[in-house]
Amino acid sequence: MAKTLHSLIRLHQYRVDEKHREIGGIISVITDLERQTSELEKQISEEKAIAVTSPEEAGVLFGNYVAHCILKKEQFSVAIFEMEKKLAATQEEIREEYKDLKGLVLTQEERDKLVAVKQARAEQAVLDEIGMQMFRRTGD
């Protein structure tokens, strides 16, 4: 049974580690989407400055460009929102997995304490027996 509990602890620890890696990947995706959104906003302001300097040439195309960029920003926002939902769900999963892991670890610690107490009692019984035998020998 002890080996089974140790195996369960390793399994849950592996699952916790996997969830941590998954969270890292999700955070990386969110960061990348936010970076792309800020780059898009920077491009819009640059294009706006160009459109202001030459309204005849760029003014006509700027409206379509901005409409495309707004659509793209909305897509980024939706993707970020979805990834944040996934992040929250994964964080909840890791909390549950860690709670299970902690319960198993505490159970194993209690079992280890009981084994240590039993072993100490057995050793003390052997030492007591040796002491009684030596007492009997010296008394004879």
C-alpha atoms as a PDB file:
ATOM      1  CA  MET A   1       0.000   0.000   0.000  1.00  0.00           C
ATOM      2  CA  ALA A   2       2.855   2.397   0.768  1.00  0.00           C
ATOM      3  CA  LYS A   3       4.236   1.997  -2.741  1.00  0.00           C
ATOM      4  CA  THR A   4       0.785   2.736  -4.130  1.00  0.00           C
ATOM      5  CA  LEU A   5       0.561   5.948  -2.114  1.00  0.00           C
ATOM      6  CA  HIS A   6       4.037   7.003  -3.240  1.00  0.00           C
ATOM      7  CA  SER A   7       2.995   6.304  -6.837  1.00  0.00           C
ATOM      8  CA  LEU A   8      -0.142   8.408  -6.397  1.00  0.00           C
ATOM      9  CA  ILE A   9       1.934  11.247  -4.944  1.00  0.00           C
ATOM     10  CA  ARG A  10       4.290  11.128  -7.940  1.00  0.00           C
ATOM     11  CA  LEU A  11       1.318  11.050 -10.327  1.00  0.00           C
ATOM     12  CA  HIS A  12      -0.323  14.061  -8.704  1.00  0.00           C
ATOM     13  CA  GLN A  13       3.008  15.916  -8.583  1.00  0.00           C
ATOM     14  CA  TYR A  14       3.421  15.233 -12.302  1.00  0.00           C
ATOM     15  CA  ARG A  15      -0.079  16.555 -12.967  1.00  0.00           C
ATOM     16  CA  VAL A  16       0.632  19.704 -10.944  1.00  0.00           C
ATOM     17  CA  ASP A  17       3.863  20.221 -12.880  1.00  0.00           C
ATOM     18  CA  GLU A  18       2.015  19.739 -16.194  1.00  0.00           C
ATOM     19  CA  LYS A  19      -0.587  22.319 -15.169  1.00  0.00           C
ATOM     20  CA  HIS A  20       2.192  24.753 -14.266  1.00  0.00           C
ATOM     21  CA  ARG A  21       3.696  24.294 -17.722  1.00  0.00           C
ATOM     22  CA  GLU A  22       0.265  24.732 -19.308  1.00  0.00           C
ATOM     23  CA  ILE A  23      -0.268  27.956 -17.362  1.00  0.00           C
ATOM     24  CA  GLY A  24       3.109  29.196 -18.557  1.00  0.00           C
ATOM     25  CA  GLY A  25       2.114  28.520 -22.164  1.00  0.00           C
ATOM     26  CA  ILE A  26      -1.227  30.275 -21.756  1.00  0.00           C
ATOM     27  CA  ILE A  27       0.420  33.321 -20.185  1.00  0.00           C
ATOM     28  CA  SER A  28       2.906  33.376 -23.059  1.00  0.00           C
ATOM     29  CA  VAL A  29       0.073  33.366 -25.618  1.00  0.00           C
ATOM     30  CA  ILE A  30      -1.772  36.142 -23.762  1.00  0.00           C
ATOM     31  CA  THR A  31       1.404  38.229 -23.612  1.00  0.00           C
ATOM     32  CA  ASP A  32       1.997  37.716 -27.326  1.00  0.00           C
ATOM     33  CA  LEU A  33      -1.588  38.726 -28.186  1.00  0.00           C
ATOM     34  CA  GLU A  34      -1.279  41.852 -26.037  1.00  0.00           C
ATOM     35  CA  ARG A  35       2.018  42.682 -27.763  1.00  0.00           C
ATOM     36  CA  GLN A  36       0.404  42.277 -31.183  1.00  0.00           C
ATOM     37  CA  THR A  37      -2.478  44.526 -30.096  1.00  0.00           C
ATOM     38  CA  SER A  38      -0.104  47.270 -28.970  1.00  0.00           C
ATOM     39  CA  GLU A  39       1.899  46.955 -32.202  1.00  0.00           C
ATOM     40  CA  LEU A  40      -1.328  47.307 -34.171  1.00  0.00           C
ATOM     41  CA  GLU A  41      -2.251  50.453 -32.241  1.00  0.00           C
ATOM     42  CA  LYS A  42       1.217  51.837 -32.915  1.00  0.00           C
ATOM     43  CA  GLN A  43       0.819  51.110 -36.639  1.00  0.00           C
ATOM     44  CA  ILE A  44      -2.560  52.851 -36.683  1.00  0.00           C
ATOM     45  CA  SER A  45      -1.094  56.006 -35.146  1.00  0.00           C
ATOM     46  CA  GLU A  46       1.806  55.930 -37.630  1.00  0.00           C
ATOM     47  CA  GLU A  47      -0.581  55.518 -40.559  1.00  0.00           C
ATOM     48  CA  LYS A  48      -2.764  58.309 -39.185  1.00  0.00           C
ATOM     49  CA  ALA A  49       0.234  60.626 -39.109  1.00  0.00           C
ATOM     50  CA  ILE A  50       1.007  59.732 -42.727  1.00  0.00           C
ATOM     51  CA  ALA A  51      -2.640  60.228 -43.740  1.00  0.00           C
ATOM     52  CA  VAL A  52      -2.687  63.684 -42.151  1.00  0.00           C
ATOM     53  CA  THR A  53       0.423  64.794 -44.061  1.00  0.00           C
ATOM     54  CA  SER A  54      -0.908  63.667 -47.436  1.00  0.00           C
ATOM     55  CA  PRO A  55      -4.724  63.462 -47.238  1.00  0.00           C
ATOM     56  CA  GLU A  56      -5.267  63.198 -51.001  1.00  0.00           C
ATOM     57  CA  GLU A  57      -3.228  60.042 -51.420  1.00  0.00           C
ATOM     58  CA  ALA A  58      -3.587  58.265 -48.076  1.00  0.00           C
ATOM     59  CA  GLY A  59      -6.868  59.699 -46.843  1.00  0.00           C
ATOM     60  CA  VAL A  60      -9.015  57.474 -49.035  1.00  0.00           C
ATOM     61  CA  LEU A  61      -7.243  54.274 -48.063  1.00  0.00           C
ATOM     62  CA  PHE A  62      -6.873  55.153 -44.383  1.00  0.00           C
ATOM     63  CA  GLY A  63     -10.548  54.513 -43.606  1.00  0.00           C
ATOM     64  CA  ASN A  64     -10.379  50.965 -44.962  1.00  0.00           C
ATOM     65  CA  TYR A  65      -7.101  50.389 -43.132  1.00  0.00           C
ATOM     66  CA  VAL A  66      -8.563  51.547 -39.825  1.00  0.00           C
ATOM     67  CA  ALA A  67     -11.664  49.376 -40.312  1.00  0.00           C
ATOM     68  CA  HIS A  68      -9.423  46.357 -40.940  1.00  0.00           C
ATOM     69  CA  CYS A  69      -7.319  47.184 -37.893  1.00  0.00           C
ATOM     70  CA  ILE A  70     -10.388  47.583 -35.675  1.00  0.00           C
ATOM     71  CA  LEU A  71     -11.605  44.152 -36.791  1.00  0.00           C
ATOM     72  CA  LYS A  72      -8.194  42.699 -36.071  1.00  0.00           C
ATOM     73  CA  LYS A  73      -8.099  44.332 -32.606  1.00  0.00           C
ATOM     74  CA  GLU A  74     -11.502  42.831 -31.838  1.00  0.00           C
ATOM     75  CA  GLN A  75     -10.203  39.418 -32.857  1.00  0.00           C
ATOM     76  CA  PHE A  76      -7.217  39.895 -30.548  1.00  0.00           C
ATOM     77  CA  SER A  77      -9.545  40.959 -27.716  1.00  0.00           C
ATOM     78  CA  VAL A  78     -11.725  37.890 -28.181  1.00  0.00           C
ATOM     79  CA  ALA A  79      -8.659  35.633 -28.289  1.00  0.00           C
ATOM     80  CA  ILE A  80      -7.267  37.253 -25.123  1.00  0.00           C
ATOM     81  CA  PHE A  81     -10.624  36.844 -23.388  1.00  0.00           C
ATOM     82  CA  GLU A  82     -10.776  33.153 -24.345  1.00  0.00           C
ATOM     83  CA  MET A  83      -7.206  32.558 -23.191  1.00  0.00           C
ATOM     84  CA  GLU A  84      -7.918  34.308 -19.881  1.00  0.00           C
ATOM     85  CA  LYS A  85     -10.927  32.012 -19.378  1.00  0.00           C
ATOM     86  CA  LYS A  86      -8.708  29.031 -20.132  1.00  0.00           C
ATOM     87  CA  LEU A  87      -6.112  30.383 -17.700  1.00  0.00           C
ATOM     88  CA  ALA A  88      -8.702  30.712 -14.933  1.00  0.00           C
ATOM     89  CA  ALA A  89      -9.967  27.168 -15.577  1.00  0.00           C
ATOM     90  CA  THR A  90      -6.435  25.778 -15.540  1.00  0.00           C
ATOM     91  CA  GLN A  91      -5.647  27.633 -12.327  1.00  0.00           C
ATOM     92  CA  GLU A  92      -8.737  26.088 -10.741  1.00  0.00           C
ATOM     93  CA  GLU A  93      -7.652  22.659 -11.950  1.00  0.00           C
ATOM     94  CA  ILE A  94      -4.196  23.154 -10.449  1.00  0.00           C
ATOM     95  CA  ARG A  95      -5.733  24.211  -7.131  1.00  0.00           C
ATOM     96  CA  GLU A  96      -7.806  21.022  -7.046  1.00  0.00           C
ATOM     97  CA  GLU A  97      -4.865  18.860  -8.071  1.00  0.00           C
ATOM     98  CA  TYR A  98      -2.630  20.490  -5.458  1.00  0.00           C
ATOM     99  CA  LYS A  99      -5.310  19.975  -2.800  1.00  0.00           C
ATOM    100  CA  ASP A 100      -5.412  16.258  -3.668  1.00  0.00           C
ATOM    101  CA  LEU A 101      -1.613  16.118  -3.652  1.00  0.00           C
ATOM    102  CA  LYS A 102      -1.415  17.795  -0.264  1.00  0.00           C
ATOM    103  CA  GLY A 103      -3.910  15.300   1.187  1.00  0.00           C
ATOM    104  CA  LEU A 104      -1.852  12.380  -0.100  1.00  0.00           C
ATOM    105  CA  VAL A 105       1.382  13.864   1.245  1.00  0.00           C
ATOM    106  CA  LEU A 106      -0.146  14.417   4.683  1.00  0.00           C
ATOM    107  CA  THR A 107      -1.496  10.856   4.706  1.00  0.00           C
ATOM    108  CA  GLN A 108       1.931   9.517   3.773  1.00  0.00           C
ATOM    109  CA  GLU A 109       3.584  11.584   6.498  1.00  0.00           C
ATOM    110  CA  GLU A 110       1.174  10.138   9.072  1.00  0.00           C
ATOM    111  CA  ARG A 111       1.888   6.626   7.846  1.00  0.00           C
ATOM    112  CA  ASP A 112       5.622   7.279   8.042  1.00  0.00           C
ATOM    113  CA  LYS A 113       5.220   8.516  11.633  1.00  0.00           C
ATOM    114  CA  LEU A 114       3.279   5.379  12.581  1.00  0.00           C
ATOM    115  CA  VAL A 115       5.942   3.156  11.034  1.00  0.00           C
ATOM    116  CA  ALA A 116       8.654   5.072  12.899  1.00  0.00           C
ATOM    117  CA  VAL A 117       6.782   4.714  16.207  1.00  0.00           C
ATOM    118  CA  LYS A 118       6.270   0.973  15.637  1.00  0.00           C
ATOM    119  CA  GLN A 119       9.923   0.564  14.741  1.00  0.00           C
ATOM    120  CA  ALA A 120      11.029   2.519  17.811  1.00  0.00           C
ATOM    121  CA  ARG A 121       8.784   0.360  20.028  1.00  0.00           C
ATOM    122  CA  ALA A 122      10.160  -2.814  18.494  1.00  0.00           C
ATOM    123  CA  GLU A 123      13.731  -1.605  19.027  1.00  0.00           C
ATOM    124  CA  GLN A 124      12.949  -0.591  22.592  1.00  0.00           C
ATOM    125  CA  ALA A 125      11.404  -4.032  23.244  1.00  0.00           C
ATOM    126  CA  VAL A 126      14.590  -5.702  21.987  1.00  0.00           C
ATOM    127  CA  LEU A 127      16.729  -3.409  24.157  1.00  0.00           C
ATOM    128  CA  ASP A 128      14.500  -4.106  27.176  1.00  0.00           C
ATOM    129  CA  GLU A 129      14.842  -7.842  26.616  1.00  0.00           C
ATOM    130  CA  ILE A 130      18.612  -7.543  26.376  1.00  0.00           C
ATOM    131  CA  GLY A 131      18.654  -5.452  29.552  1.00  0.00           C
ATOM    132  CA  MET A 132      16.514  -8.015  31.426  1.00  0.00           C
ATOM    133  CA  GLN A 133      18.733 -10.881  30.286  1.00  0.00           C
ATOM    134  CA  MET A 134      21.845  -9.020  31.450  1.00  0.00           C
ATOM    135  CA  PHE A 135      20.174  -8.285  34.782  1.00  0.00           C
ATOM    136  CA  ARG A 136      19.314 -11.947  35.232  1.00  0.00           C
ATOM    137  CA  ARG A 137      22.848 -13.015  34.414  1.00  0.00           C
ATOM    138  CA  THR A 138      24.385 -10.574  36.853  1.00  0.00           C
ATOM    139  CA  GLY A 139      21.876 -11.584  39.536  1.00  0.00           C
ATOM    140  CA  ASP A 140      22.803 -15.281  39.306  1.00  0.00           C
END
